[in-house]
Protein backbone atom coordinates (compact mmCIF):
# COMPACT_ATOMS: atom_id res chain seq x y z
CA MET A 1 -0.05 -0.04 -0.04
CA GLY A 2 2.96 2.35 0.81
CA LEU A 3 4.35 1.85 -2.73
CA ILE A 4 1.16 2.85 -4.38
CA LYS A 5 0.91 6.03 -2.29
CA LEU A 6 4.55 6.86 -3.07
CA ALA A 7 3.88 6.22 -6.89
CA ALA A 8 0.71 8.41 -6.66
CA ALA A 9 2.65 11.20 -5.01
CA GLY A 10 5.29 11.07 -7.67
CA VAL A 11 2.74 11.30 -10.48
CA ALA A 12 1.05 14.25 -8.72
CA GLY A 13 4.36 15.98 -8.29
CA TYR A 14 5.36 15.51 -11.93
CA ALA A 15 1.89 16.78 -13.10
CA LEU A 16 2.38 19.87 -10.92
CA TYR A 17 5.86 20.40 -12.35
CA LYS A 18 4.69 20.11 -15.94
CA TYR A 19 1.81 22.49 -15.26
CA ALA A 20 4.10 25.05 -13.71
CA THR A 21 6.68 24.96 -16.55
CA ARG A 22 4.25 24.80 -19.52
CA GLU A 23 4.85 28.35 -20.64
CA ARG A 24 8.63 27.84 -20.91
CA GLU A 25 8.30 24.85 -23.18
CA ALA A 26 6.73 27.04 -25.88
CA GLU A 27 10.03 28.75 -26.91
CA PRO A 28 13.29 26.89 -27.81
CA ALA A 29 15.99 26.61 -25.21
CA HIS A 30 18.34 28.94 -27.20
CA ALA A 31 15.85 31.69 -27.71
CA GLY A 32 16.93 35.08 -26.20
CA THR A 33 20.38 33.82 -25.22
CA TYR A 34 22.20 36.66 -26.76
CA GLY A 35 19.58 38.38 -28.76
CA HIS A 36 20.86 39.64 -32.07
CA VAL A 37 24.53 38.99 -32.58
CA ARG A 38 26.19 40.66 -35.54
CA ASP A 39 28.97 39.20 -37.73
CA ALA A 40 32.55 40.08 -36.77
CA GLY A 41 34.36 42.93 -38.43
CA PRO A 42 34.06 46.69 -38.79
CA GLU A 43 32.02 46.50 -41.94
CA ASN A 44 29.14 44.95 -39.84
CA MET A 45 29.11 47.61 -37.17
CA ALA A 46 26.41 50.23 -36.91
CA SER A 47 28.95 52.97 -36.95
CA ASN A 48 32.48 52.65 -38.38
CA PRO A 49 35.36 52.89 -35.81
CA GLN A 50 37.96 55.51 -36.18
CA ARG A 51 40.81 52.97 -35.59
CA TRP A 52 40.74 49.26 -36.11
CA SER A 53 43.74 47.12 -35.47
CA LYS A 54 44.38 43.36 -35.87
CA THR A 55 43.95 43.03 -32.10
CA ASP A 56 40.47 44.73 -32.38
CA GLU A 57 39.66 42.27 -35.09
CA ALA A 58 40.71 39.25 -33.06
CA ILE A 59 38.69 40.43 -29.98
CA ASP A 60 35.74 41.17 -32.12
CA GLU A 61 35.91 37.63 -33.76
CA SER A 62 36.16 35.95 -30.31
CA PHE A 63 32.96 37.38 -28.95
CA PRO A 64 30.97 35.78 -27.00
CA ALA A 65 33.63 33.26 -26.21
CA SER A 66 35.24 33.45 -22.81
CA ASP A 67 38.76 32.84 -23.92
CA PRO A 68 40.82 35.85 -25.23
CA PRO A 69 42.48 35.66 -28.60
CA ALA A 70 45.98 34.28 -28.71
CA THR A 71 47.29 37.42 -30.50
CA TYR A 72 46.29 39.76 -27.64
């Protein structure tokens, strides 16, 4: 009898969990992670930079990675 009660409690808990998280399942897991991410390079920027070095290019290409470029 105790096993049936435990199974019923598990089913009820799972049902409550699915009910509480039903809105999050509508959108993909990756949606809104970074928003809009532009391609690397000064030609893809909204405004052209005054100076643009190879270091700037390497840093721009590494975004959103956590590791800095090796040429920095």
